Every structure is written in structure tokens, then in C-alpha cells.
């Protein structure tokens, strides 16, 4: 199954509830359509959200929204040709 949602704004609560409600398995995919907030603060809050998302059963795909730092603004980001 593929599920589309978005606008987490840095909170994992709703996505955790969604995964529990529909009993998603490792073969399922959840696509987060922007405003995830997983690269917004560039501190422990981002790391905690990413850790929670990585513990969920389905594959999680994130699409950047306006609540994510652009890669060029991440200090550790390296541009390669």
C-alpha cells in the first residue's frame, strides 16, 4: 500500500497514529508531501523526529516543503558534480 500525507511540522504524533491505525508493514510506503520539519531546526529536535520516523514499519519518503532547510543552507551539505 502507498499512503500520501503531509504537514507534520516537526511532530511525529499523527504519522505514528496513522501507521498504527492502518497497521502498515515494511512492504508499505508513506509519502510525506512537504512540511515534514525533519530538517528545519538543525538540532536535536530534527534528530529525534528522524529517529522516530526511522522506527516506523513502512518506508518513509519525504518531499521538501517550506518547513525544511534548503540543502544549500545546511552547513554539512556538500555539492558535488
C-alpha atoms as a PDB file:
ATOM      1  CA  UNK A   1       0.000   0.000   0.000  1.00  0.00           C
ATOM      2  CA  UNK A   2       1.124   3.565  -0.665  1.00  0.00           C
ATOM      3  CA  UNK A   3      -0.231   6.358   1.540  1.00  0.00           C
ATOM      4  CA  UNK A   4       0.199  10.100   0.978  1.00  0.00           C
ATOM      5  CA  UNK A   5       0.057  12.703   3.752  1.00  0.00           C
ATOM      6  CA  UNK A   6       1.975  15.759   4.870  1.00  0.00           C
ATOM      7  CA  UNK A   7       2.298  18.799   7.104  1.00  0.00           C
ATOM      8  CA  UNK A   8       3.857  17.105  10.137  1.00  0.00           C
ATOM      9  CA  UNK A   9       5.559  20.392  11.055  1.00  0.00           C
ATOM     10  CA  UNK A  10       8.084  18.577  13.224  1.00  0.00           C
ATOM     11  CA  UNK A  11       5.626  16.363  15.133  1.00  0.00           C
ATOM     12  CA  UNK A  12       5.619  12.605  14.718  1.00  0.00           C
ATOM     13  CA  UNK A  13       2.353  12.053  16.621  1.00  0.00           C
ATOM     14  CA  UNK A  14      -0.016  11.959  13.651  1.00  0.00           C
ATOM     15  CA  UNK A  15       2.182   9.786  11.441  1.00  0.00           C
ATOM     16  CA  UNK A  16       2.665   7.291  14.288  1.00  0.00           C
ATOM     17  CA  UNK A  17      -1.129   7.144  14.801  1.00  0.00           C
ATOM     18  CA  UNK A  18      -1.658   6.708  11.040  1.00  0.00           C
ATOM     19  CA  UNK A  19       0.808   3.805  10.880  1.00  0.00           C
ATOM     20  CA  UNK A  20      -0.796   2.119  13.895  1.00  0.00           C
ATOM     21  CA  UNK A  21      -4.350   2.655  12.623  1.00  0.00           C
ATOM     22  CA  UNK A  22      -3.680   1.098   9.216  1.00  0.00           C
ATOM     23  CA  UNK A  23      -1.150  -1.444  10.531  1.00  0.00           C
ATOM     24  CA  UNK A  24       1.415  -0.572   7.879  1.00  0.00           C
ATOM     25  CA  UNK A  25       4.073  -3.207   7.224  1.00  0.00           C
ATOM     26  CA  UNK A  26       7.632  -2.988   5.936  1.00  0.00           C
ATOM     27  CA  UNK A  27       6.282  -3.528   2.409  1.00  0.00           C
ATOM     28  CA  UNK A  28       4.154  -0.344   2.622  1.00  0.00           C
ATOM     29  CA  UNK A  29       5.240   3.198   1.759  1.00  0.00           C
ATOM     30  CA  UNK A  30       4.188   6.509   3.298  1.00  0.00           C
ATOM     31  CA  UNK A  31       4.970   9.611   1.236  1.00  0.00           C
ATOM     32  CA  UNK A  32       5.130  12.820   3.281  1.00  0.00           C
ATOM     33  CA  UNK A  33       4.192  15.644   0.917  1.00  0.00           C
ATOM     34  CA  UNK A  34       6.148  18.533   2.366  1.00  0.00           C
ATOM     35  CA  UNK A  35       6.396  20.426   5.627  1.00  0.00           C
ATOM     36  CA  UNK A  36       7.767  17.410   7.468  1.00  0.00           C
ATOM     37  CA  UNK A  37      10.062  19.530   9.604  1.00  0.00           C
ATOM     38  CA  UNK A  38      12.831  16.903   9.768  1.00  0.00           C
ATOM     39  CA  UNK A  39      15.476  19.376   8.539  1.00  0.00           C
ATOM     40  CA  UNK A  40      14.099  22.569   9.979  1.00  0.00           C
ATOM     41  CA  UNK A  41      15.856  23.340  13.263  1.00  0.00           C
ATOM     42  CA  UNK A  42      19.218  21.674  12.533  1.00  0.00           C
ATOM     43  CA  UNK A  43      19.442  20.468  16.144  1.00  0.00           C
ATOM     44  CA  UNK A  44      18.305  17.658  18.450  1.00  0.00           C
ATOM     45  CA  UNK A  45      14.634  18.164  17.501  1.00  0.00           C
ATOM     46  CA  UNK A  46      15.398  17.141  13.921  1.00  0.00           C
ATOM     47  CA  UNK A  47      17.407  14.125  15.076  1.00  0.00           C
ATOM     48  CA  UNK A  48      14.579  12.981  17.372  1.00  0.00           C
ATOM     49  CA  UNK A  49      11.978  13.270  14.602  1.00  0.00           C
ATOM     50  CA  UNK A  50      14.189  11.373  12.147  1.00  0.00           C
ATOM     51  CA  UNK A  51      14.773   8.648  14.754  1.00  0.00           C
ATOM     52  CA  UNK A  52      11.016   8.266  15.340  1.00  0.00           C
ATOM     53  CA  UNK A  53      10.304   8.119  11.605  1.00  0.00           C
ATOM     54  CA  UNK A  54      13.037   5.526  11.074  1.00  0.00           C
ATOM     55  CA  UNK A  55      11.466   3.233  13.686  1.00  0.00           C
ATOM     56  CA  UNK A  56       8.146   3.073  11.808  1.00  0.00           C
ATOM     57  CA  UNK A  57       7.404  -0.055   9.785  1.00  0.00           C
ATOM     58  CA  UNK A  58       6.699   1.438   6.343  1.00  0.00           C
ATOM     59  CA  UNK A  59       9.245   3.049   4.079  1.00  0.00           C
ATOM     60  CA  UNK A  60       9.003   6.819   4.601  1.00  0.00           C
ATOM     61  CA  UNK A  61       9.639   9.170   1.656  1.00  0.00           C
ATOM     62  CA  UNK A  62       9.781  12.928   2.298  1.00  0.00           C
ATOM     63  CA  UNK A  63       9.268  15.730  -0.187  1.00  0.00           C
ATOM     64  CA  UNK A  64      10.641  19.149   0.803  1.00  0.00           C
ATOM     65  CA  UNK A  65       8.203  21.864   1.731  1.00  0.00           C
ATOM     66  CA  UNK A  66       8.716  25.327   3.144  1.00  0.00           C
ATOM     67  CA  UNK A  67       9.338  23.870   6.630  1.00  0.00           C
ATOM     68  CA  UNK A  68      12.632  22.286   5.624  1.00  0.00           C
ATOM     69  CA  UNK A  69      16.039  23.911   5.387  1.00  0.00           C
ATOM     70  CA  UNK A  70      17.246  24.011   1.798  1.00  0.00           C
ATOM     71  CA  UNK A  71      20.318  21.799   1.251  1.00  0.00           C
ATOM     72  CA  UNK A  72      22.464  24.817   0.349  1.00  0.00           C
ATOM     73  CA  UNK A  73      21.787  26.217   3.856  1.00  0.00           C
ATOM     74  CA  UNK A  74      22.839  23.071   5.743  1.00  0.00           C
ATOM     75  CA  UNK A  75      26.408  23.587   6.988  1.00  0.00           C
ATOM     76  CA  UNK A  76      27.459  19.953   6.343  1.00  0.00           C
ATOM     77  CA  UNK A  77      25.925  19.793   2.848  1.00  0.00           C
ATOM     78  CA  UNK A  78      28.480  19.309   0.104  1.00  0.00           C
ATOM     79  CA  UNK A  79      27.706  19.995  -3.561  1.00  0.00           C
ATOM     80  CA  UNK A  80      29.304  17.515  -5.959  1.00  0.00           C
ATOM     81  CA  UNK A  81      29.329  17.402  -9.712  1.00  0.00           C
END
